């Protein structure tokens, strides 16, 4: 059962560190990472780069910072980046693409996060800088948060990579939950990440570490990224204390993601049978469930409050949508409690 008896489906960021993580943090050998001599941070960065098949990696405090750094390195000021219209970078990162990077985001429509290649091609700009910002990059999200944890398959990633290489632009992946994508597809994560120039993934979401994300790419890219991290205030000192938990996350928490996916599917299937709720269980591929309230008797704020009274937590995801996320601190009893609570509320 969830922490202190509360079934918390708000996000996979609410997990508590495992006992091994706590022990590793306590025992971590540390140094000053800004000066480049924290051995535990170095170990994490080397392991992370290996996991996603890149030359180098950088430990950053958050996924938002990781994505912002990647865009700052790859996109010159005044140029543009092609994005999916519901992407996290465009919608949920405080406008950093413009505020900090100084770039123009060009949002494009998609089918559950998959922008048609012809849309990328039609919106590519080059050679008319007097009027239109030139295109310097493309960024995708896998899994896709807004689209309920939707997965982009390697075959599609390859097509976008071919487009980016042909145009000579940078291809970045917001892979906050890319290990969920790999798990759902039954492939090594490198089958996804090999197609991109840079990738960010979170240690503090499905992998259950208490803090931190990874940005990975070429050696030169990460060298520049380290400078940008410092400029943004992301330089950390004895960061081995938290990096130690990230190592455990990569070593022990990836294979268990299949359990989260199974529970999410079970929850989605049960919700689809409740009157007043709209969801297609076949679209639930990973650990995120997004459903719509279609009853005129209850709105999202009231629904969430009624859930809270029944010791179940979820998040509003728009005027009529609710998001629930499974993770390591959600077990079968939590899923059963959520199903019973929602059944009770919607009656």
Protein backbone atom coordinates (compact mmCIF):
# COMPACT_ATOMS: atom_id res chain seq x y z
CA UNK A 1 0.00 0.00 0.00
CA UNK A 2 1.14 3.57 -0.68
CA UNK A 3 3.13 5.77 1.66
CA UNK A 4 1.42 6.31 5.07
CA UNK A 5 -1.71 4.65 3.75
CA UNK A 6 -2.26 7.15 0.92
CA UNK A 7 -2.53 5.82 -2.62
CA UNK A 8 -0.66 8.58 -4.46
CA UNK A 9 -1.19 8.43 -8.22
CA UNK A 10 -0.28 12.07 -8.86
CA UNK A 11 3.06 11.26 -10.49
CA UNK A 12 5.95 8.81 -10.51
CA UNK A 13 7.98 11.63 -8.95
CA UNK A 14 6.42 11.01 -5.53
CA UNK A 15 8.33 7.78 -4.85
CA UNK A 16 10.52 7.38 -1.78
CA UNK A 17 14.12 6.13 -2.15
CA UNK A 18 14.66 2.40 -1.74
CA UNK A 19 16.63 1.11 1.23
CA UNK A 20 19.60 0.44 -1.05
CA UNK A 21 19.42 4.00 -2.36
CA UNK A 22 19.43 5.38 1.18
CA UNK A 23 22.40 3.24 2.11
CA UNK A 24 24.28 4.19 -1.06
CA UNK A 25 23.64 7.88 -0.37
CA UNK A 26 24.89 7.55 3.20
CA UNK A 27 28.05 5.73 2.13
CA UNK A 28 28.77 7.72 -1.05
CA UNK A 29 32.30 8.89 -1.69
CA UNK A 30 32.13 12.57 -2.59
CA UNK A 31 34.15 15.48 -3.90
CA UNK A 32 33.41 18.86 -5.45
CA UNK A 33 31.63 18.17 -8.71
CA UNK A 34 32.02 21.75 -9.99
CA UNK A 35 35.75 21.17 -9.74
CA UNK A 36 35.29 17.82 -11.45
CA UNK A 37 36.41 15.57 -8.63
CA UNK A 38 33.29 13.87 -7.28
CA UNK A 39 33.92 10.17 -8.01
CA UNK A 40 30.32 9.08 -7.50
CA UNK A 41 29.00 11.67 -9.95
CA UNK A 42 31.62 10.54 -12.46
CA UNK A 43 30.54 6.93 -12.01
CA UNK A 44 26.89 7.86 -12.56
CA UNK A 45 27.67 9.89 -15.68
CA UNK A 46 29.78 7.10 -17.17
CA UNK A 47 27.10 4.50 -16.43
CA UNK A 48 24.35 6.71 -17.85
CA UNK A 49 26.27 7.41 -21.07
CA UNK A 50 26.83 3.67 -21.50
CA UNK A 51 23.17 2.87 -20.89
CA UNK A 52 21.96 5.19 -23.67
CA UNK A 53 24.89 4.63 -26.02
CA UNK A 54 26.39 8.12 -25.96
CA UNK A 55 29.98 9.36 -25.54
CA UNK A 56 29.36 11.39 -22.41
CA UNK A 57 26.71 12.42 -19.91
CA UNK A 58 26.00 15.22 -17.46
CA UNK A 59 24.18 14.96 -14.12
CA UNK A 60 21.69 17.81 -13.71
CA UNK A 61 19.21 18.68 -10.95
CA UNK A 62 16.08 18.34 -13.11
CA UNK A 63 14.71 17.29 -16.47
CA UNK A 64 13.66 20.84 -17.22
CA UNK A 65 17.24 22.01 -16.76
CA UNK A 66 18.51 19.14 -18.90
CA UNK A 67 16.21 20.02 -21.78
CA UNK A 68 16.96 23.73 -21.45
CA UNK A 69 20.71 23.08 -21.54
CA UNK A 70 20.35 20.86 -24.60
CA UNK A 71 18.40 23.53 -26.45
CA UNK A 72 20.84 26.25 -25.39
CA UNK A 73 23.79 24.27 -26.73
CA UNK A 74 22.09 23.17 -29.96
CA UNK A 75 19.92 26.14 -31.01
CA UNK A 76 21.53 29.52 -31.79
CA UNK A 77 19.73 32.56 -30.43
CA UNK A 78 17.09 33.79 -32.84
CA UNK A 79 16.78 30.44 -34.62
CA UNK A 80 13.89 28.00 -34.28
CA UNK A 81 13.27 24.46 -33.10
CA UNK A 82 10.48 22.18 -34.36
CA UNK A 83 8.39 20.73 -31.51
CA UNK A 84 5.25 18.68 -31.05
CA UNK A 85 2.44 21.01 -29.95
CA UNK A 86 1.69 19.22 -26.65
CA UNK A 87 5.32 18.57 -25.74
CA UNK A 88 6.67 19.14 -22.25
CA UNK A 89 9.43 21.46 -23.52
CA UNK A 90 6.87 23.72 -25.18
CA UNK A 91 4.09 23.64 -22.59
CA UNK A 92 5.49 22.84 -19.15
CA UNK A 93 9.01 24.24 -18.83
CA UNK A 94 8.29 27.88 -18.00
CA UNK A 95 8.88 29.07 -21.56
CA UNK A 96 12.61 28.37 -21.25
CA UNK A 97 12.91 27.72 -24.97
CA UNK A 98 12.30 31.46 -25.41
CA UNK A 99 13.16 32.86 -21.98
CA UNK A 100 16.62 31.29 -21.68
CA UNK A 101 17.51 29.75 -25.05
CA UNK A 102 16.28 32.76 -27.05
CA UNK A 103 14.84 30.49 -29.74
CA UNK A 104 11.48 30.36 -31.47
CA UNK A 105 9.50 27.17 -30.77
CA UNK A 106 7.47 26.06 -33.77
CA UNK A 107 4.77 23.68 -32.48
CA UNK A 108 3.41 21.06 -34.88
CA UNK A 109 0.32 18.86 -34.71
CA UNK A 110 0.77 15.15 -34.17
CA UNK A 111 -0.92 11.82 -33.74
CA UNK A 112 -0.25 11.06 -30.06
CA UNK A 113 3.18 12.67 -30.19
CA UNK A 114 4.16 11.43 -33.64
CA UNK A 115 4.55 14.40 -36.00
CA UNK A 116 4.35 13.34 -39.68
CA UNK A 117 7.72 13.70 -41.42
CA UNK A 118 6.09 15.80 -44.12
CA UNK A 119 5.04 18.28 -41.41
CA UNK A 120 8.63 18.64 -40.30
CA UNK A 121 9.67 19.12 -43.91
CA UNK A 122 6.92 21.67 -44.62
CA UNK A 123 7.92 23.73 -41.58
CA UNK A 124 11.68 23.66 -42.13
CA UNK A 125 13.09 27.14 -42.83
CA UNK A 126 16.44 28.08 -44.26
CA UNK A 127 17.75 30.93 -46.36
CA UNK A 128 15.25 33.67 -45.55
CA UNK A 129 16.65 35.06 -42.29
CA UNK A 130 15.48 38.59 -43.07
CA UNK A 131 11.92 37.46 -42.31
CA UNK A 132 11.79 33.94 -40.80
CA UNK A 133 14.03 32.34 -38.14
CA UNK A 134 16.03 29.49 -39.60
CA UNK A 135 15.47 25.97 -38.28
CA UNK A 136 18.29 24.62 -36.12
CA UNK A 137 16.74 21.62 -34.40
CA UNK A 138 13.91 19.22 -33.76
CA UNK A 139 12.85 17.86 -30.36
CA UNK A 140 10.54 14.96 -29.56
CA UNK A 141 9.19 13.42 -26.35
CA UNK A 142 9.24 9.67 -25.61
CA UNK A 143 7.20 8.60 -23.71
CA UNK A 144 4.80 11.47 -24.20
CA UNK A 145 3.33 12.88 -21.00
CA UNK A 146 0.30 14.73 -22.42
CA UNK A 147 -0.68 11.81 -24.62
CA UNK A 148 -0.87 9.43 -21.67
CA UNK A 149 2.60 7.90 -21.84
CA UNK A 150 2.43 7.19 -25.57
CA UNK A 151 5.51 5.54 -27.08
CA UNK A 152 7.40 6.54 -30.23
CA UNK A 153 8.83 3.43 -31.90
CA UNK A 154 12.45 3.21 -33.09
CA UNK A 155 11.32 3.04 -36.73
CA UNK A 156 9.73 6.47 -36.40
CA UNK A 157 12.72 7.84 -34.47
CA UNK A 158 14.91 6.67 -37.34
CA UNK A 159 12.80 8.55 -39.91
CA UNK A 160 13.08 11.77 -37.91
CA UNK A 161 16.83 11.18 -37.59
CA UNK A 162 17.15 10.82 -41.36
CA UNK A 163 15.24 14.08 -41.79
CA UNK A 164 17.44 15.91 -39.25
CA UNK A 165 20.68 14.65 -40.79
CA UNK A 166 19.49 15.57 -44.28
CA UNK A 167 18.73 19.12 -43.11
CA UNK A 168 21.85 19.37 -40.96
CA UNK A 169 19.96 20.12 -37.72
CA UNK A 170 20.17 18.82 -34.14
CA UNK A 171 17.80 16.07 -32.98
CA UNK A 172 17.08 16.13 -29.23
CA UNK A 173 14.96 13.69 -27.28
CA UNK A 174 13.10 14.62 -24.13
CA UNK A 175 13.30 11.07 -22.83
CA UNK A 176 12.17 11.79 -19.28
CA UNK A 177 10.59 8.31 -19.27
CA UNK A 178 12.53 6.74 -22.14
CA UNK A 179 13.18 3.59 -20.09
CA UNK A 180 9.40 3.16 -19.87
CA UNK A 181 9.29 3.41 -23.66
CA UNK A 182 12.00 0.77 -24.05
CA UNK A 183 10.24 -1.51 -21.55
CA UNK A 184 6.92 -1.21 -23.37
CA UNK A 185 8.61 -2.00 -26.69
CA UNK A 186 10.70 -4.83 -25.25
CA UNK A 187 13.94 -3.36 -26.61
CA UNK A 188 17.21 -2.05 -25.24
CA UNK A 189 16.87 1.70 -24.65
CA UNK A 190 19.75 2.26 -27.08
CA UNK A 191 17.47 1.15 -29.91
CA UNK A 192 15.63 4.41 -29.27
CA UNK A 193 18.45 6.74 -28.28
CA UNK A 194 20.83 5.75 -31.08
CA UNK A 195 18.77 7.87 -33.44
CA UNK A 196 19.19 11.18 -31.56
CA UNK A 197 22.06 13.61 -31.09
CA UNK A 198 21.21 14.27 -27.45
CA UNK A 199 18.85 12.78 -24.89
CA UNK A 200 17.63 13.79 -21.46
CA UNK A 201 16.16 11.23 -19.09
CA UNK A 202 14.95 11.48 -15.50
CA UNK A 203 16.23 9.42 -12.62
CA UNK A 204 13.48 10.78 -10.36
CA UNK A 205 10.43 9.57 -12.30
CA UNK A 206 9.88 5.88 -13.00
CA UNK A 207 13.37 4.99 -11.80
CA UNK A 208 12.52 6.26 -8.30
CA UNK A 209 15.66 8.21 -7.39
CA UNK A 210 14.94 11.19 -5.10
CA UNK A 211 16.45 13.83 -7.41
CA UNK A 212 18.25 14.36 -10.70
CA UNK A 213 18.28 13.81 -14.43
CA UNK A 214 20.86 12.99 -17.10
CA UNK A 215 21.74 14.77 -20.33
CA UNK A 216 23.79 12.68 -22.76
CA UNK A 217 25.41 13.29 -26.15
CA UNK A 218 28.82 13.64 -27.76
CA UNK A 219 31.84 14.59 -25.73
CA UNK A 220 31.97 18.08 -27.22
CA UNK A 221 28.23 18.58 -26.65
CA UNK A 222 28.48 17.65 -22.98
CA UNK A 223 31.58 19.81 -22.51
CA UNK A 224 29.55 22.83 -23.61
CA UNK A 225 26.54 21.62 -21.63
CA UNK A 226 28.61 21.61 -18.45
CA UNK A 227 29.32 25.32 -18.92
CA UNK A 228 25.65 26.09 -19.47
CA UNK A 229 24.72 24.07 -16.37
CA UNK A 230 27.07 26.26 -14.33
CA UNK A 231 25.59 29.43 -15.86
CA UNK A 232 22.08 28.32 -14.90
CA UNK A 233 23.08 27.64 -11.31
CA UNK A 234 23.09 23.88 -11.71
CA UNK A 235 26.66 23.32 -10.60
CA UNK A 236 26.58 21.09 -7.52
CA UNK A 237 29.28 20.45 -4.95
CA UNK A 238 29.28 17.15 -3.03
CA UNK A 239 26.65 15.84 -5.41
CA UNK A 240 27.77 12.24 -5.01
CA UNK A 241 25.31 12.03 -2.14
CA UNK A 242 22.42 12.19 -4.60
CA UNK A 243 24.23 10.68 -7.59
CA UNK A 244 24.60 7.46 -5.58
CA UNK A 245 20.84 6.97 -5.66
CA UNK A 246 20.91 7.51 -9.43
CA UNK A 247 23.37 4.66 -9.84
CA UNK A 248 21.06 2.34 -7.92
CA UNK A 249 18.14 3.56 -10.05
CA UNK A 250 19.91 2.56 -13.27
CA UNK A 251 21.14 -0.74 -11.87
CA UNK A 252 17.99 -1.93 -10.11
CA UNK A 253 14.86 0.00 -11.10
CA UNK A 254 14.59 -0.44 -14.87
CA UNK A 255 13.47 -4.06 -15.08
CA UNK A 256 10.61 -3.54 -12.61
CA UNK A 257 8.93 -0.90 -14.84
CA UNK A 258 6.91 -3.70 -16.44
CA UNK A 259 5.00 -3.98 -13.14
CA UNK A 260 3.96 -0.32 -13.35
CA UNK A 261 2.75 -0.80 -16.90
CA UNK A 262 0.65 -3.84 -15.98
CA UNK A 263 -1.02 -1.97 -13.11
CA UNK A 264 -1.71 1.03 -15.33
CA UNK A 265 -3.38 -1.21 -17.91
CA UNK A 266 -5.48 -2.86 -15.22
CA UNK A 267 -6.58 0.51 -13.86
CA UNK A 268 -7.38 1.86 -17.33
CA UNK A 269 -9.43 -1.22 -18.21
CA UNK A 270 -11.49 -0.89 -15.04
CA UNK A 271 -12.03 2.84 -15.57
CA UNK A 272 -13.29 2.23 -19.10
CA UNK A 273 -16.22 0.30 -17.62
CA UNK A 274 -17.34 3.15 -15.32
CA UNK A 275 -20.13 5.39 -16.57
CA UNK A 276 -19.07 9.04 -16.83
CA UNK A 277 -15.43 8.24 -17.61
CA UNK A 278 -13.94 8.17 -21.09
CA UNK A 279 -10.70 6.28 -21.73
CA UNK A 280 -9.39 3.85 -24.33
CA UNK A 281 -7.35 1.17 -22.50
CA UNK A 282 -5.63 0.14 -25.72
CA UNK A 283 -3.88 3.53 -25.74
CA UNK A 284 -2.33 2.95 -22.30
CA UNK A 285 1.14 1.68 -23.17
CA UNK A 286 3.20 2.60 -20.12
CA UNK A 287 2.56 3.95 -16.60
CA UNK A 288 0.43 7.03 -17.34
CA UNK A 289 -3.37 6.97 -17.45
CA UNK A 290 -5.24 10.04 -18.69
CA UNK A 291 -9.03 9.91 -18.72
CA UNK A 292 -11.83 12.36 -19.34
CA UNK A 293 -14.80 13.10 -17.09
CA UNK A 294 -17.87 13.20 -19.33
CA UNK A 295 -20.51 13.43 -16.59
CA UNK A 296 -22.24 16.77 -16.09
CA UNK A 297 -22.65 15.94 -12.40
CA UNK A 298 -19.04 16.40 -11.33
CA UNK A 299 -16.04 18.49 -12.44
CA UNK A 300 -12.35 17.79 -12.06
CA UNK A 301 -11.79 19.79 -8.82
CA UNK A 302 -14.72 18.09 -7.09
CA UNK A 303 -13.67 14.68 -8.40
CA UNK A 304 -10.13 15.11 -7.06
CA UNK A 305 -11.45 16.24 -3.67
CA UNK A 306 -13.71 13.21 -3.44
CA UNK A 307 -10.76 10.99 -4.30
CA UNK A 308 -8.69 12.67 -1.59
CA UNK A 309 -11.39 11.95 0.98
CA UNK A 310 -10.99 8.29 0.05
CA UNK A 311 -7.19 8.49 0.47
CA UNK A 312 -6.45 8.42 -3.27
CA UNK A 313 -4.55 11.26 -4.96
CA UNK A 314 -4.57 12.18 -8.67
CA UNK A 315 -3.86 15.29 -10.77
CA UNK A 316 -6.11 17.48 -12.85
CA UNK A 317 -4.89 17.56 -16.45
CA UNK A 318 -7.06 20.25 -17.99
CA UNK A 319 -10.71 21.29 -17.61
CA UNK A 320 -12.08 17.76 -18.01
CA UNK A 321 -9.04 15.44 -17.87
CA UNK A 322 -7.45 13.59 -14.96
CA UNK A 323 -4.01 11.94 -14.86
CA UNK A 324 -3.01 8.97 -12.74
CA UNK A 325 0.49 7.46 -12.77
CA UNK A 326 1.67 4.11 -11.45
CA UNK A 327 5.10 3.67 -9.85
CA UNK A 328 7.07 1.56 -7.39
CA UNK A 329 5.08 2.84 -4.39
CA UNK A 330 1.77 1.79 -5.96
CA UNK A 331 0.84 -1.87 -5.55
CA UNK A 332 -2.20 -3.99 -6.45
CA UNK A 333 -4.04 -2.88 -3.30
CA UNK A 334 -3.61 0.76 -4.31
CA UNK A 335 -5.04 0.04 -7.75
CA UNK A 336 -7.99 -1.77 -6.21
CA UNK A 337 -8.60 1.11 -3.81
CA UNK A 338 -8.54 3.61 -6.70
CA UNK A 339 -10.99 1.56 -8.75
CA UNK A 340 -13.41 1.23 -5.82
CA UNK A 341 -13.10 4.93 -4.96
CA UNK A 342 -13.80 6.10 -8.51
CA UNK A 343 -16.70 3.66 -8.83
CA UNK A 344 -18.16 5.07 -5.63
CA UNK A 345 -17.71 8.70 -6.71
CA UNK A 346 -19.21 8.24 -10.17
CA UNK A 347 -22.30 6.48 -8.81
